[in-house]
Amino acid sequence: MYAMCQKAEVAGPLDVTGLAVAAFEDMPLKQALVFVRTNQQNIEDLSWAFENSNSAEEFEQRVKELKGLPGG
């Protein structure tokens, strides 16, 4: 969600991501927004991996690179 919001130049992509988390996880919006803000760096990292991948396998490889896992 965050990557799509950035690509579309939506104002407040973290807020939109929080709204999506609240809806998907069926949690209160305030709790979802705290979750998103607390995990902002991870969300941004995953967004980068998504934007720079052309396949599921490539996305998985990028995530491994970010986390310093073997095969990365």
N, C-alpha and C. Protein backbone atom coordinates (compact mmCIF):
# COMPACT_ATOMS: atom_id res chain seq x y z
N MET A 1 0.83 -1.18 0.00
CA MET A 1 0.00 0.00 0.00
C MET A 1 0.88 1.25 0.00
N TYR A 2 1.89 1.24 0.84
CA TYR A 2 2.78 2.40 0.93
C TYR A 2 3.44 2.69 -0.42
N ALA A 3 3.94 1.66 -1.08
CA ALA A 3 4.60 1.85 -2.38
C ALA A 3 3.63 2.40 -3.41
N MET A 4 2.42 1.90 -3.42
CA MET A 4 1.43 2.39 -4.39
C MET A 4 1.07 3.84 -4.11
N CYS A 5 0.96 4.20 -2.84
CA CYS A 5 0.65 5.59 -2.48
C CYS A 5 1.78 6.52 -2.90
N GLN A 6 3.01 6.08 -2.70
CA GLN A 6 4.15 6.90 -3.12
C GLN A 6 4.15 7.09 -4.63
N LYS A 7 3.93 6.01 -5.36
CA LYS A 7 3.92 6.07 -6.82
C LYS A 7 2.84 7.02 -7.33
N ALA A 8 1.69 7.02 -6.66
CA ALA A 8 0.58 7.88 -7.05
C ALA A 8 0.70 9.28 -6.46
N GLU A 9 1.78 9.52 -5.71
CA GLU A 9 2.03 10.81 -5.07
C GLU A 9 0.89 11.23 -4.16
N VAL A 10 0.36 10.26 -3.41
CA VAL A 10 -0.70 10.51 -2.44
C VAL A 10 -0.09 11.21 -1.23
N ALA A 11 -0.75 12.26 -0.77
CA ALA A 11 -0.30 12.94 0.43
C ALA A 11 -0.54 12.02 1.63
N GLY A 12 0.44 11.90 2.50
CA GLY A 12 0.29 11.07 3.69
C GLY A 12 0.23 9.59 3.44
N PRO A 13 1.21 9.02 2.71
CA PRO A 13 1.15 7.59 2.42
C PRO A 13 1.15 6.71 3.67
N LEU A 14 1.79 7.15 4.75
CA LEU A 14 1.77 6.36 5.98
C LEU A 14 0.37 6.33 6.59
N ASP A 15 -0.35 7.44 6.50
CA ASP A 15 -1.71 7.48 7.02
C ASP A 15 -2.63 6.55 6.22
N VAL A 16 -2.47 6.54 4.91
CA VAL A 16 -3.28 5.65 4.06
C VAL A 16 -2.91 4.20 4.37
N THR A 17 -1.63 3.94 4.57
CA THR A 17 -1.19 2.59 4.92
C THR A 17 -1.80 2.17 6.26
N GLY A 18 -1.84 3.09 7.21
CA GLY A 18 -2.47 2.80 8.50
C GLY A 18 -3.94 2.48 8.36
N LEU A 19 -4.62 3.20 7.50
CA LEU A 19 -6.03 2.93 7.24
C LEU A 19 -6.21 1.54 6.64
N ALA A 20 -5.34 1.18 5.71
CA ALA A 20 -5.40 -0.15 5.10
C ALA A 20 -5.13 -1.25 6.14
N VAL A 21 -4.15 -1.03 7.00
CA VAL A 21 -3.85 -2.01 8.05
C VAL A 21 -5.06 -2.17 8.97
N ALA A 22 -5.66 -1.05 9.35
CA ALA A 22 -6.84 -1.11 10.22
C ALA A 22 -7.96 -1.92 9.59
N ALA A 23 -8.19 -1.70 8.32
CA ALA A 23 -9.27 -2.41 7.62
C ALA A 23 -8.92 -3.89 7.46
N PHE A 24 -7.70 -4.18 7.05
CA PHE A 24 -7.30 -5.55 6.78
C PHE A 24 -7.23 -6.38 8.06
N GLU A 25 -6.71 -5.78 9.11
CA GLU A 25 -6.53 -6.51 10.37
C GLU A 25 -7.72 -6.35 11.32
N ASP A 26 -8.71 -5.57 10.90
CA ASP A 26 -9.89 -5.32 11.72
C ASP A 26 -9.49 -4.82 13.11
N MET A 27 -8.67 -3.75 13.11
CA MET A 27 -8.21 -3.17 14.37
C MET A 27 -8.58 -1.70 14.40
N PRO A 28 -8.63 -1.10 15.56
CA PRO A 28 -8.92 0.33 15.65
C PRO A 28 -7.90 1.15 14.87
N LEU A 29 -8.36 2.21 14.24
CA LEU A 29 -7.48 3.05 13.41
C LEU A 29 -6.30 3.58 14.20
N LYS A 30 -6.55 4.05 15.41
CA LYS A 30 -5.46 4.60 16.23
C LYS A 30 -4.36 3.56 16.45
N GLN A 31 -4.75 2.34 16.74
CA GLN A 31 -3.79 1.25 16.95
C GLN A 31 -3.02 0.95 15.67
N ALA A 32 -3.71 0.95 14.55
CA ALA A 32 -3.05 0.70 13.26
C ALA A 32 -2.06 1.80 12.92
N LEU A 33 -2.42 3.04 13.19
CA LEU A 33 -1.52 4.16 12.90
C LEU A 33 -0.27 4.10 13.78
N VAL A 34 -0.43 3.71 15.03
CA VAL A 34 0.72 3.55 15.92
C VAL A 34 1.62 2.43 15.38
N PHE A 35 1.00 1.33 14.96
CA PHE A 35 1.76 0.21 14.39
C PHE A 35 2.57 0.67 13.18
N VAL A 36 1.93 1.40 12.28
CA VAL A 36 2.59 1.85 11.06
C VAL A 36 3.73 2.81 11.39
N ARG A 37 3.49 3.75 12.27
CA ARG A 37 4.54 4.72 12.64
C ARG A 37 5.71 4.02 13.33
N THR A 38 5.40 3.04 14.16
CA THR A 38 6.44 2.30 14.87
C THR A 38 7.29 1.49 13.91
N ASN A 39 6.68 1.03 12.84
CA ASN A 39 7.37 0.18 11.85
C ASN A 39 7.67 0.92 10.55
N GLN A 40 7.77 2.22 10.61
CA GLN A 40 7.95 3.04 9.42
C GLN A 40 9.16 2.62 8.59
N GLN A 41 10.29 2.39 9.23
CA GLN A 41 11.50 2.02 8.47
C GLN A 41 11.32 0.70 7.75
N ASN A 42 10.72 -0.28 8.42
CA ASN A 42 10.47 -1.57 7.77
C ASN A 42 9.52 -1.41 6.59
N ILE A 43 8.50 -0.59 6.74
CA ILE A 43 7.55 -0.34 5.66
C ILE A 43 8.25 0.32 4.48
N GLU A 44 9.09 1.29 4.76
CA GLU A 44 9.83 1.96 3.70
C GLU A 44 10.79 0.99 3.01
N ASP A 45 11.43 0.13 3.78
CA ASP A 45 12.35 -0.87 3.20
C ASP A 45 11.59 -1.84 2.29
N LEU A 46 10.45 -2.32 2.74
CA LEU A 46 9.65 -3.23 1.93
C LEU A 46 9.13 -2.54 0.68
N SER A 47 8.79 -1.27 0.81
CA SER A 47 8.35 -0.50 -0.34
C SER A 47 9.46 -0.41 -1.37
N TRP A 48 10.67 -0.15 -0.92
CA TRP A 48 11.82 -0.08 -1.82
C TRP A 48 12.01 -1.42 -2.54
N ALA A 49 11.93 -2.52 -1.77
CA ALA A 49 12.11 -3.85 -2.36
C ALA A 49 11.03 -4.12 -3.40
N PHE A 50 9.81 -3.74 -3.11
CA PHE A 50 8.69 -3.95 -4.03
C PHE A 50 8.90 -3.14 -5.31
N GLU A 51 9.26 -1.89 -5.16
CA GLU A 51 9.44 -1.00 -6.31
C GLU A 51 10.61 -1.43 -7.19
N ASN A 52 11.58 -2.11 -6.61
CA ASN A 52 12.78 -2.49 -7.35
C ASN A 52 12.83 -3.97 -7.71
N SER A 53 11.66 -4.59 -7.78
CA SER A 53 11.57 -6.00 -8.13
C SER A 53 10.60 -6.21 -9.27
N ASN A 54 10.92 -7.16 -10.12
CA ASN A 54 10.06 -7.48 -11.26
C ASN A 54 9.36 -8.83 -11.12
N SER A 55 9.61 -9.51 -10.00
CA SER A 55 8.99 -10.81 -9.77
C SER A 55 8.96 -11.07 -8.27
N ALA A 56 8.19 -12.08 -7.89
CA ALA A 56 8.14 -12.46 -6.48
C ALA A 56 9.50 -12.93 -5.99
N GLU A 57 10.21 -13.63 -6.84
CA GLU A 57 11.53 -14.13 -6.46
C GLU A 57 12.52 -12.98 -6.25
N GLU A 58 12.43 -12.00 -7.14
CA GLU A 58 13.31 -10.84 -7.01
C GLU A 58 12.98 -10.04 -5.75
N PHE A 59 11.69 -9.92 -5.44
CA PHE A 59 11.26 -9.24 -4.21
C PHE A 59 11.84 -9.97 -3.00
N GLU A 60 11.73 -11.28 -2.99
CA GLU A 60 12.26 -12.08 -1.89
C GLU A 60 13.77 -11.86 -1.75
N GLN A 61 14.47 -11.80 -2.86
CA GLN A 61 15.91 -11.56 -2.85
C GLN A 61 16.23 -10.18 -2.27
N ARG A 62 15.47 -9.18 -2.66
CA ARG A 62 15.70 -7.81 -2.16
C ARG A 62 15.47 -7.75 -0.65
N VAL A 63 14.43 -8.43 -0.17
CA VAL A 63 14.15 -8.44 1.27
C VAL A 63 15.30 -9.12 2.01
N LYS A 64 15.82 -10.20 1.45
CA LYS A 64 16.98 -10.86 2.07
C LYS A 64 18.17 -9.92 2.10
N GLU A 65 18.38 -9.15 1.05
CA GLU A 65 19.48 -8.19 1.02
C GLU A 65 19.32 -7.15 2.13
N LEU A 66 18.10 -6.66 2.30
CA LEU A 66 17.83 -5.65 3.32
C LEU A 66 18.11 -6.17 4.72
N LYS A 67 17.76 -7.41 4.94
CA LYS A 67 17.88 -7.99 6.28
C LYS A 67 19.19 -8.71 6.50
N GLY A 68 20.04 -8.75 5.47
CA GLY A 68 21.34 -9.40 5.61
C GLY A 68 21.26 -10.90 5.81
N LEU A 69 20.23 -11.52 5.21
CA LEU A 69 20.05 -12.96 5.33
C LEU A 69 20.88 -13.69 4.28
N PRO A 70 21.20 -14.95 4.53
CA PRO A 70 21.93 -15.75 3.53
C PRO A 70 21.17 -15.78 2.20
N GLY A 71 21.90 -15.75 1.13
CA GLY A 71 21.28 -15.71 -0.19
C GLY A 71 20.97 -14.29 -0.62
N GLY A 72 21.34 -13.33 0.21
CA GLY A 72 21.05 -11.93 -0.08
C GLY A 72 22.25 -11.18 -0.57
